N, C-alpha and C. Protein backbone atom coordinates (compact mmCIF):
# COMPACT_ATOMS: atom_id res chain seq x y z
N MET A 1 28.78 -32.77 6.46
CA MET A 1 29.62 -33.75 5.74
C MET A 1 30.38 -33.00 4.66
N GLN A 2 30.87 -31.75 5.07
CA GLN A 2 31.60 -31.08 3.96
C GLN A 2 33.00 -31.53 3.71
N THR A 3 33.63 -32.26 4.69
CA THR A 3 35.04 -32.55 4.49
C THR A 3 35.21 -34.07 4.71
N PRO A 4 36.19 -34.64 4.02
CA PRO A 4 36.54 -36.09 4.22
C PRO A 4 36.68 -36.50 5.61
N HIS A 5 37.22 -35.54 6.42
CA HIS A 5 37.35 -35.77 7.89
C HIS A 5 36.05 -35.96 8.63
N ASN A 6 34.92 -35.40 8.08
CA ASN A 6 33.64 -35.47 8.76
C ASN A 6 32.78 -36.64 8.25
N MET A 7 33.27 -37.58 7.45
CA MET A 7 32.53 -38.65 6.87
C MET A 7 31.83 -39.62 7.91
N GLY A 8 32.67 -39.89 8.99
CA GLY A 8 32.10 -40.80 9.95
C GLY A 8 30.97 -40.05 10.67
N PHE A 9 30.98 -38.78 10.96
CA PHE A 9 29.88 -38.12 11.62
C PHE A 9 28.77 -38.07 10.56
N ALA A 10 28.91 -37.90 9.35
CA ALA A 10 27.83 -37.95 8.41
C ALA A 10 27.03 -39.23 8.43
N VAL A 11 27.80 -40.40 8.67
CA VAL A 11 26.98 -41.68 8.72
C VAL A 11 26.29 -41.76 10.04
N ILE A 12 26.87 -41.27 11.04
CA ILE A 12 26.09 -41.28 12.39
C ILE A 12 24.86 -40.33 12.24
N ASP A 13 25.05 -39.24 11.68
CA ASP A 13 23.75 -38.34 11.41
C ASP A 13 22.69 -39.01 10.55
N GLU A 14 23.18 -39.83 9.56
CA GLU A 14 22.22 -40.47 8.58
C GLU A 14 21.52 -41.54 9.38
N LEU A 15 22.20 -42.27 10.21
CA LEU A 15 21.53 -43.23 11.06
C LEU A 15 20.52 -42.55 12.11
N ALA A 16 20.99 -41.54 12.63
CA ALA A 16 20.07 -40.83 13.67
C ALA A 16 18.73 -40.35 12.92
N GLN A 17 18.91 -39.86 11.77
CA GLN A 17 17.87 -39.41 10.94
C GLN A 17 16.86 -40.48 10.57
N ARG A 18 17.45 -41.61 10.17
CA ARG A 18 16.54 -42.86 9.83
C ARG A 18 15.92 -43.21 11.08
N LEU A 19 16.62 -43.26 12.25
CA LEU A 19 15.85 -43.82 13.40
C LEU A 19 15.15 -42.76 14.17
N ASP A 20 15.00 -41.60 13.73
CA ASP A 20 14.37 -40.47 14.23
C ASP A 20 14.82 -40.25 15.65
N LEU A 21 16.25 -40.22 15.77
CA LEU A 21 16.94 -39.89 16.94
C LEU A 21 17.55 -38.68 17.01
N ARG A 22 17.58 -37.97 18.18
CA ARG A 22 18.26 -36.74 18.32
C ARG A 22 19.60 -36.89 19.17
N LEU A 23 20.72 -36.57 18.67
CA LEU A 23 21.98 -36.66 19.27
C LEU A 23 22.09 -35.57 20.31
N ARG A 24 22.23 -35.91 21.54
CA ARG A 24 22.38 -34.97 22.67
C ARG A 24 23.78 -35.02 23.26
N ARG A 25 24.18 -33.76 23.63
CA ARG A 25 25.55 -33.76 24.14
C ARG A 25 25.65 -34.22 25.53
N SER A 26 26.69 -35.14 25.75
CA SER A 26 27.09 -35.63 27.07
C SER A 26 28.47 -35.03 27.47
N PHE A 27 28.41 -34.14 28.36
CA PHE A 27 29.59 -33.49 28.81
C PHE A 27 30.51 -34.43 29.64
N ARG A 28 29.90 -35.41 30.25
CA ARG A 28 30.67 -36.42 30.98
C ARG A 28 31.37 -37.34 30.10
N LEU A 29 30.64 -37.86 28.98
CA LEU A 29 31.34 -38.65 28.05
C LEU A 29 32.08 -37.97 26.95
N ARG A 30 31.96 -36.65 26.73
CA ARG A 30 32.59 -35.83 25.72
C ARG A 30 32.20 -36.38 24.39
N ALA A 31 30.85 -36.47 24.24
CA ALA A 31 30.39 -36.96 23.03
C ALA A 31 28.89 -36.46 22.78
N HIS A 32 28.47 -36.50 21.50
CA HIS A 32 26.92 -36.46 21.16
C HIS A 32 26.40 -37.83 21.13
N LEU A 33 25.40 -38.14 21.90
CA LEU A 33 24.88 -39.54 21.90
C LEU A 33 23.42 -39.63 21.58
N ALA A 34 22.99 -40.72 21.14
CA ALA A 34 21.57 -41.00 20.94
C ALA A 34 21.46 -42.64 21.09
N SER A 35 20.42 -43.05 21.63
CA SER A 35 20.19 -44.44 21.79
C SER A 35 18.76 -44.80 21.11
N GLY A 36 18.73 -45.97 20.58
CA GLY A 36 17.54 -46.38 19.97
C GLY A 36 17.51 -47.78 19.54
N MET A 37 16.75 -48.34 18.65
CA MET A 37 16.67 -49.61 18.24
C MET A 37 16.77 -49.72 16.63
N ILE A 38 17.58 -50.80 16.27
CA ILE A 38 17.65 -51.15 14.88
C ILE A 38 17.21 -52.61 14.93
N GLU A 39 16.08 -52.90 14.25
CA GLU A 39 15.38 -54.24 14.38
C GLU A 39 15.19 -54.47 15.88
N ASP A 40 15.74 -55.56 16.31
CA ASP A 40 15.68 -55.94 17.71
C ASP A 40 16.99 -55.65 18.56
N GLN A 41 17.88 -54.83 17.98
CA GLN A 41 19.10 -54.46 18.54
C GLN A 41 19.05 -53.06 19.22
N ASP A 42 19.42 -53.00 20.44
CA ASP A 42 19.77 -51.70 21.04
C ASP A 42 21.09 -51.15 20.46
N VAL A 43 20.96 -49.90 20.03
CA VAL A 43 22.11 -49.19 19.61
C VAL A 43 22.31 -47.83 20.31
N THR A 44 23.57 -47.48 20.41
CA THR A 44 24.02 -46.19 20.83
C THR A 44 24.88 -45.49 19.84
N LEU A 45 24.45 -44.42 19.26
CA LEU A 45 25.27 -43.64 18.36
C LEU A 45 26.12 -42.64 19.05
N ALA A 46 27.35 -42.44 18.69
CA ALA A 46 28.16 -41.55 19.36
C ALA A 46 29.08 -40.72 18.35
N LYS A 47 29.19 -39.41 18.74
CA LYS A 47 30.05 -38.63 17.85
C LYS A 47 31.02 -37.91 19.00
N PRO A 48 32.26 -38.34 19.06
CA PRO A 48 33.17 -37.71 19.93
C PRO A 48 33.37 -36.25 19.79
N ASP A 49 33.36 -35.53 20.95
CA ASP A 49 33.48 -34.12 20.94
C ASP A 49 34.95 -33.79 21.38
N VAL A 50 35.82 -34.50 20.84
CA VAL A 50 37.34 -34.35 21.07
C VAL A 50 38.00 -34.39 19.67
N TYR A 51 39.38 -34.04 19.52
CA TYR A 51 40.02 -34.28 18.26
C TYR A 51 40.04 -35.63 17.99
N MET A 52 39.96 -35.94 16.69
CA MET A 52 39.92 -37.36 16.06
C MET A 52 40.99 -38.16 16.77
N ASN A 53 42.24 -37.67 16.83
CA ASN A 53 43.32 -38.49 17.32
C ASN A 53 43.28 -38.76 18.94
N ALA A 54 42.25 -38.17 19.52
CA ALA A 54 42.08 -38.48 20.94
C ALA A 54 40.72 -39.13 21.13
N SER A 55 40.12 -39.70 20.13
CA SER A 55 38.77 -40.27 20.26
C SER A 55 38.75 -41.60 21.06
N GLY A 56 39.89 -42.27 21.14
CA GLY A 56 40.06 -43.43 21.98
C GLY A 56 39.52 -43.16 23.52
N THR A 57 39.80 -41.92 23.91
CA THR A 57 39.37 -41.70 25.28
C THR A 57 37.88 -41.66 25.40
N VAL A 58 37.16 -41.16 24.41
CA VAL A 58 35.71 -41.29 24.40
C VAL A 58 35.28 -42.65 24.27
N VAL A 59 35.76 -43.43 23.33
CA VAL A 59 35.38 -44.76 23.16
C VAL A 59 35.51 -45.52 24.51
N ALA A 60 36.64 -45.55 25.00
CA ALA A 60 37.01 -46.19 26.27
C ALA A 60 36.03 -45.91 27.40
N GLY A 61 35.72 -44.54 27.55
CA GLY A 61 34.85 -44.11 28.54
C GLY A 61 33.39 -44.60 28.28
N LEU A 62 32.99 -44.51 27.09
CA LEU A 62 31.72 -45.02 26.70
C LEU A 62 31.51 -46.52 27.02
N LEU A 63 32.62 -47.38 26.72
CA LEU A 63 32.50 -48.71 27.03
C LEU A 63 32.32 -49.05 28.52
N LYS A 64 33.15 -48.23 29.26
CA LYS A 64 33.18 -48.45 30.83
C LYS A 64 31.86 -47.82 31.35
N ARG A 65 31.34 -46.71 30.86
CA ARG A 65 30.07 -46.21 31.42
C ARG A 65 28.83 -46.97 31.11
N LYS A 66 28.74 -47.46 29.81
CA LYS A 66 27.59 -48.15 29.37
C LYS A 66 27.74 -49.69 29.57
N GLY A 67 28.95 -50.19 29.89
CA GLY A 67 29.08 -51.59 30.11
C GLY A 67 29.21 -52.41 28.79
N PHE A 68 29.61 -51.66 27.76
CA PHE A 68 29.78 -52.36 26.54
C PHE A 68 31.18 -52.98 26.46
N LEU A 69 31.22 -54.02 25.64
CA LEU A 69 32.60 -54.83 25.27
C LEU A 69 33.02 -54.23 24.01
N PRO A 70 34.34 -54.43 23.85
CA PRO A 70 34.87 -53.97 22.44
C PRO A 70 34.26 -54.68 21.24
N GLU A 71 33.73 -55.87 21.41
CA GLU A 71 33.20 -56.53 20.33
C GLU A 71 31.75 -56.11 20.12
N ASP A 72 31.20 -55.18 20.91
CA ASP A 72 29.91 -54.54 20.76
C ASP A 72 29.97 -53.21 20.02
N ILE A 73 31.20 -52.81 19.68
CA ILE A 73 31.27 -51.51 19.00
C ILE A 73 31.54 -51.56 17.49
N LEU A 74 31.32 -50.61 16.66
CA LEU A 74 31.72 -50.56 15.31
C LEU A 74 32.02 -49.09 15.11
N ILE A 75 33.42 -48.83 14.88
CA ILE A 75 33.81 -47.50 14.62
C ILE A 75 33.80 -47.17 13.08
N VAL A 76 33.38 -45.98 12.87
CA VAL A 76 33.32 -45.53 11.55
C VAL A 76 34.37 -44.41 11.23
N ALA A 77 35.18 -44.51 10.15
CA ALA A 77 36.29 -43.72 9.99
C ALA A 77 36.49 -43.44 8.53
N ASP A 78 37.05 -42.22 8.20
CA ASP A 78 37.35 -42.00 6.81
C ASP A 78 38.64 -42.78 6.53
N ASP A 79 38.93 -43.06 5.16
CA ASP A 79 40.16 -43.75 4.82
C ASP A 79 40.60 -43.18 3.47
N VAL A 80 41.78 -42.62 3.49
CA VAL A 80 42.44 -42.04 2.27
C VAL A 80 43.02 -43.07 1.37
N ASN A 81 43.14 -44.32 1.99
CA ASN A 81 43.78 -45.40 1.17
C ASN A 81 42.73 -46.13 0.29
N LEU A 82 41.48 -45.73 0.46
CA LEU A 82 40.33 -46.43 -0.21
C LEU A 82 39.83 -45.40 -1.36
N PRO A 83 39.48 -45.88 -2.47
CA PRO A 83 38.95 -44.92 -3.47
C PRO A 83 37.74 -44.22 -3.03
N GLU A 84 37.46 -43.06 -3.41
CA GLU A 84 36.33 -42.21 -3.03
C GLU A 84 35.00 -43.14 -3.16
N GLY A 85 34.28 -43.21 -2.07
CA GLY A 85 33.00 -44.08 -2.23
C GLY A 85 33.13 -45.48 -1.76
N GLN A 86 34.25 -46.05 -1.74
CA GLN A 86 34.34 -47.50 -1.40
C GLN A 86 34.20 -47.66 0.03
N LEU A 87 33.48 -48.77 0.57
CA LEU A 87 33.45 -49.10 1.93
C LEU A 87 34.28 -50.38 2.17
N ARG A 88 34.77 -50.47 3.46
CA ARG A 88 35.50 -51.67 3.84
C ARG A 88 35.10 -51.90 5.34
N LEU A 89 34.40 -52.97 5.58
CA LEU A 89 34.06 -53.49 6.94
C LEU A 89 35.08 -54.40 7.42
N ARG A 90 35.60 -54.39 8.54
CA ARG A 90 36.40 -55.48 9.15
C ARG A 90 36.00 -55.73 10.56
N SER A 91 36.27 -56.98 11.03
CA SER A 91 35.90 -57.33 12.39
C SER A 91 37.01 -57.01 13.44
N LYS A 92 38.28 -56.83 12.91
CA LYS A 92 39.36 -56.33 13.83
C LYS A 92 40.47 -55.85 12.81
N GLY A 93 41.52 -55.37 13.46
CA GLY A 93 42.78 -55.06 12.59
C GLY A 93 43.51 -54.03 13.22
N SER A 94 44.44 -53.46 12.39
CA SER A 94 45.32 -52.37 12.75
C SER A 94 44.65 -51.00 12.42
N SER A 95 45.41 -50.02 12.70
CA SER A 95 44.97 -48.65 12.45
C SER A 95 44.88 -48.20 10.99
N GLY A 96 45.90 -49.00 10.26
CA GLY A 96 46.21 -48.58 8.91
C GLY A 96 46.65 -47.21 8.69
N GLY A 97 47.34 -46.67 9.86
CA GLY A 97 47.83 -45.25 9.78
C GLY A 97 46.72 -44.26 10.10
N HIS A 98 45.48 -44.63 10.47
CA HIS A 98 44.49 -43.70 10.88
C HIS A 98 44.75 -43.36 12.29
N ASN A 99 44.90 -42.15 12.58
CA ASN A 99 45.16 -41.63 14.04
C ASN A 99 43.98 -41.85 14.90
N GLY A 100 42.82 -41.74 14.50
CA GLY A 100 41.72 -41.95 15.30
C GLY A 100 41.51 -43.43 15.67
N LEU A 101 41.71 -44.32 14.72
CA LEU A 101 41.70 -45.73 15.00
C LEU A 101 42.77 -46.13 15.82
N GLN A 102 43.94 -45.52 15.70
CA GLN A 102 45.06 -45.74 16.55
C GLN A 102 44.85 -45.44 18.05
N SER A 103 44.11 -44.28 18.19
CA SER A 103 43.77 -43.82 19.56
C SER A 103 42.93 -44.81 20.24
N VAL A 104 41.82 -45.36 19.52
CA VAL A 104 41.04 -46.42 20.04
C VAL A 104 41.81 -47.58 20.42
N ILE A 105 42.64 -48.03 19.52
CA ILE A 105 43.48 -49.29 19.84
C ILE A 105 44.32 -49.04 20.99
N ASP A 106 44.85 -47.79 21.13
CA ASP A 106 45.78 -47.52 22.36
C ASP A 106 45.01 -47.53 23.69
N HIS A 107 43.72 -46.98 23.64
CA HIS A 107 43.01 -47.02 24.77
C HIS A 107 42.34 -48.36 25.19
N LEU A 108 42.08 -49.14 24.26
CA LEU A 108 41.49 -50.49 24.44
C LEU A 108 42.55 -51.57 24.67
N GLY A 109 43.78 -51.21 24.15
CA GLY A 109 44.82 -52.24 24.30
C GLY A 109 44.97 -53.20 23.24
N HIS A 110 44.05 -53.18 22.30
CA HIS A 110 44.04 -54.08 21.12
C HIS A 110 43.11 -53.55 20.03
N GLY A 111 43.20 -54.25 18.85
CA GLY A 111 42.38 -53.82 17.70
C GLY A 111 41.19 -54.74 17.41
N ASN A 112 40.82 -55.45 18.48
CA ASN A 112 39.67 -56.41 18.29
C ASN A 112 38.31 -55.76 18.43
N PHE A 113 37.92 -54.84 17.52
CA PHE A 113 36.69 -54.30 17.40
C PHE A 113 36.37 -54.02 15.88
N ALA A 114 35.11 -54.00 15.61
CA ALA A 114 34.66 -53.89 14.19
C ALA A 114 34.96 -52.31 13.83
N ARG A 115 35.17 -52.17 12.39
CA ARG A 115 35.30 -50.81 12.09
C ARG A 115 34.78 -50.79 10.48
N LEU A 116 34.28 -49.74 10.18
CA LEU A 116 33.90 -49.43 8.80
C LEU A 116 34.62 -48.20 8.24
N ARG A 117 35.43 -48.39 7.28
CA ARG A 117 36.30 -47.50 6.66
C ARG A 117 35.60 -46.90 5.44
N LEU A 118 35.46 -45.60 5.32
CA LEU A 118 34.92 -44.97 4.18
C LEU A 118 36.00 -44.28 3.26
N GLY A 119 35.94 -44.78 2.03
CA GLY A 119 36.93 -44.25 1.09
C GLY A 119 36.69 -42.83 0.72
N VAL A 120 37.73 -41.97 1.00
CA VAL A 120 37.62 -40.52 0.75
C VAL A 120 38.75 -40.15 -0.46
N GLY A 121 39.35 -41.17 -1.00
CA GLY A 121 40.30 -41.03 -2.03
C GLY A 121 41.59 -40.48 -1.61
N GLN A 122 42.52 -40.56 -2.45
CA GLN A 122 43.87 -40.02 -2.21
C GLN A 122 43.98 -38.51 -2.17
N THR A 123 45.06 -38.01 -1.64
CA THR A 123 45.20 -36.58 -1.61
C THR A 123 45.00 -35.91 -3.03
N ARG A 124 44.22 -34.90 -2.94
CA ARG A 124 43.90 -34.12 -4.17
C ARG A 124 45.05 -33.23 -4.57
N ALA A 125 45.24 -33.06 -5.80
CA ALA A 125 46.28 -32.30 -6.41
C ALA A 125 46.60 -30.90 -5.66
N GLY A 126 47.89 -30.79 -5.18
CA GLY A 126 48.22 -29.56 -4.66
C GLY A 126 47.91 -29.49 -3.14
N LEU A 127 47.40 -30.58 -2.56
CA LEU A 127 47.09 -30.69 -1.10
C LEU A 127 47.90 -31.68 -0.42
N ASN A 128 48.26 -31.35 0.81
CA ASN A 128 48.94 -32.34 1.66
C ASN A 128 47.85 -33.27 2.31
N LEU A 129 48.15 -34.24 3.04
CA LEU A 129 47.15 -35.10 3.74
C LEU A 129 46.19 -34.28 4.55
N VAL A 130 46.73 -33.52 5.50
CA VAL A 130 45.91 -32.71 6.25
C VAL A 130 44.91 -31.82 5.53
N GLU A 131 45.56 -31.26 4.61
CA GLU A 131 44.72 -30.22 3.73
C GLU A 131 43.58 -31.02 3.07
N HIS A 132 44.01 -32.29 2.48
CA HIS A 132 42.87 -33.06 1.90
C HIS A 132 41.86 -33.39 2.77
N VAL A 133 42.07 -33.84 3.84
CA VAL A 133 40.94 -34.36 4.85
C VAL A 133 40.23 -33.16 5.46
N LEU A 134 40.77 -31.98 5.49
CA LEU A 134 40.15 -30.81 6.02
C LEU A 134 39.54 -29.83 5.02
N THR A 135 39.76 -30.01 3.77
CA THR A 135 39.24 -29.23 2.70
C THR A 135 37.82 -29.73 2.15
N PRO A 136 36.91 -28.76 2.05
CA PRO A 136 35.59 -29.30 1.66
C PRO A 136 35.64 -30.05 0.38
N PHE A 137 34.72 -31.19 0.23
CA PHE A 137 34.60 -31.78 -1.06
C PHE A 137 34.23 -30.87 -2.12
N PRO A 138 34.79 -31.07 -3.31
CA PRO A 138 34.37 -30.21 -4.54
C PRO A 138 32.89 -30.44 -4.81
N PRO A 139 32.21 -29.41 -5.25
CA PRO A 139 30.77 -29.51 -5.51
C PRO A 139 30.55 -30.78 -6.33
N ALA A 140 31.30 -31.19 -7.24
CA ALA A 140 31.03 -32.32 -8.17
C ALA A 140 31.02 -33.64 -7.34
N ALA A 141 31.71 -33.77 -6.29
CA ALA A 141 31.84 -35.00 -5.56
C ALA A 141 30.70 -35.16 -4.34
N ARG A 142 30.01 -34.10 -4.10
CA ARG A 142 29.14 -34.06 -2.97
C ARG A 142 28.03 -35.09 -3.14
N GLU A 143 27.35 -35.23 -4.21
CA GLU A 143 26.39 -36.14 -4.30
C GLU A 143 26.91 -37.60 -4.12
N LYS A 144 27.98 -37.95 -4.67
CA LYS A 144 28.63 -39.31 -4.52
C LYS A 144 28.83 -39.52 -3.05
N ILE A 145 29.37 -38.58 -2.35
CA ILE A 145 29.79 -38.66 -0.87
C ILE A 145 28.53 -38.95 -0.15
N LYS A 146 27.43 -38.14 -0.43
CA LYS A 146 26.17 -38.44 0.23
C LYS A 146 25.58 -39.81 0.08
N LYS A 147 25.84 -40.32 -1.16
CA LYS A 147 25.38 -41.75 -1.29
C LYS A 147 26.25 -42.74 -0.60
N THR A 148 27.62 -42.35 -0.42
CA THR A 148 28.51 -43.12 0.31
C THR A 148 27.96 -43.27 1.85
N ALA A 149 27.70 -42.14 2.33
CA ALA A 149 27.19 -42.09 3.78
C ALA A 149 25.98 -42.93 3.82
N GLY A 150 25.10 -42.87 2.92
CA GLY A 150 23.77 -43.73 2.87
C GLY A 150 24.13 -45.19 2.91
N ARG A 151 25.08 -45.54 1.92
CA ARG A 151 25.51 -46.93 1.80
C ARG A 151 26.10 -47.34 3.04
N ALA A 152 26.93 -46.54 3.73
CA ALA A 152 27.49 -46.97 5.02
C ALA A 152 26.53 -47.09 6.03
N ALA A 153 25.48 -46.30 6.20
CA ALA A 153 24.46 -46.57 7.11
C ALA A 153 23.69 -47.99 6.84
N ASP A 154 23.52 -48.21 5.51
CA ASP A 154 22.88 -49.42 5.15
C ASP A 154 23.86 -50.64 5.69
N ALA A 155 25.18 -50.52 5.47
CA ALA A 155 26.10 -51.51 5.93
C ALA A 155 25.93 -51.71 7.45
N ILE A 156 25.89 -50.67 8.17
CA ILE A 156 25.76 -50.92 9.67
C ILE A 156 24.43 -51.51 10.11
N VAL A 157 23.45 -51.15 9.40
CA VAL A 157 22.02 -51.95 9.64
C VAL A 157 22.21 -53.27 9.24
N CYS A 158 22.80 -53.64 8.13
CA CYS A 158 22.98 -55.00 7.68
C CYS A 158 23.76 -55.81 8.66
N ALA A 159 24.92 -55.20 9.19
CA ALA A 159 25.73 -55.83 10.20
C ALA A 159 24.99 -56.19 11.39
N LEU A 160 24.11 -55.26 11.88
CA LEU A 160 23.42 -55.48 13.08
C LEU A 160 22.28 -56.55 12.95
N THR A 161 21.61 -56.61 11.78
CA THR A 161 20.58 -57.42 11.47
C THR A 161 20.89 -58.80 10.98
N ASN A 162 21.92 -58.82 10.14
CA ASN A 162 22.32 -60.15 9.54
C ASN A 162 23.84 -60.52 9.89
N GLY A 163 24.44 -59.78 10.61
CA GLY A 163 25.76 -60.21 11.16
C GLY A 163 26.88 -59.52 10.29
N LEU A 164 27.98 -59.31 10.97
CA LEU A 164 29.18 -58.72 10.23
C LEU A 164 29.65 -59.36 8.96
N ALA A 165 29.64 -60.65 8.87
CA ALA A 165 30.12 -61.41 7.86
C ALA A 165 29.21 -61.09 6.60
N ALA A 166 27.85 -61.19 6.77
CA ALA A 166 27.06 -60.90 5.74
C ALA A 166 27.20 -59.41 5.22
N ALA A 167 27.35 -58.51 6.06
CA ALA A 167 27.53 -57.07 5.78
C ALA A 167 28.86 -56.90 4.96
N MET A 168 29.97 -57.63 5.35
CA MET A 168 31.15 -57.58 4.70
C MET A 168 31.11 -58.04 3.27
N ASN A 169 30.41 -59.25 3.11
CA ASN A 169 30.23 -59.86 1.84
C ASN A 169 29.40 -58.95 0.81
N ARG A 170 28.47 -58.24 1.39
CA ARG A 170 27.56 -57.39 0.70
C ARG A 170 28.32 -55.94 0.31
N PHE A 171 28.86 -55.31 1.34
CA PHE A 171 29.37 -54.06 1.13
C PHE A 171 30.80 -53.85 0.81
N ASN A 172 31.70 -54.90 1.04
CA ASN A 172 33.08 -54.70 0.84
C ASN A 172 33.44 -54.68 -0.59
N THR A 173 32.61 -55.33 -1.48
CA THR A 173 32.86 -55.38 -2.92
C THR A 173 32.30 -54.07 -3.53
N PRO A 174 33.40 -53.40 -4.30
CA PRO A 174 33.22 -52.10 -4.79
C PRO A 174 32.08 -52.21 -5.93
N ASN A 175 31.12 -51.30 -5.71
CA ASN A 175 29.93 -51.20 -6.69
C ASN A 175 30.50 -50.15 -7.65
N GLN A 176 30.77 -50.48 -8.77
CA GLN A 176 31.32 -49.62 -9.81
C GLN A 176 30.48 -48.42 -10.08
N GLU A 177 29.18 -48.62 -10.12
CA GLU A 177 28.18 -47.59 -10.39
C GLU A 177 28.38 -46.43 -9.25
N GLU A 178 28.59 -46.90 -8.01
CA GLU A 178 28.65 -45.94 -6.90
C GLU A 178 30.05 -45.26 -6.82
N LEU A 179 31.01 -46.04 -7.38
CA LEU A 179 32.34 -45.37 -7.31
C LEU A 179 32.58 -44.53 -8.45
N ASN A 180 31.84 -44.51 -9.45
CA ASN A 180 32.04 -43.55 -10.54
C ASN A 180 31.16 -42.36 -10.40
């Protein structure tokens, strides 16, 4: 989780660790995958092994191969339009300018899938957008980012066990202590 661009993977790694799962590479699906249980829910964790702006191919392939429906998935993505540390769960929507989400929308033909956006803050001074998301977090921000990944994992567990609406109500409200 060294860069903003890797925040989604950090959340998947956090969930895999909590569930004591090992992500294994699937060459056919072009992803690292792990399956397990959260409460009474079967879950499959996936980290695409393609560039972010081509991740829709992996998601579409996973849905087809595993027999999932778009409403069965929750995509985790970084978001430069949210303050560092803030979470935003949605049941559907647009890409909001995120190329990875746009790729998923393009391959599914719609935006009717849940997504969890992780705030990584605006572009840091002297960096363009690409540099911002690919430059490692400053040491001072790393602990806050680790907490964000933990809260994001909590939000996913809450969505699976209590429903997306309950998770949205609990996690979409910025927690000032965690944003500072």
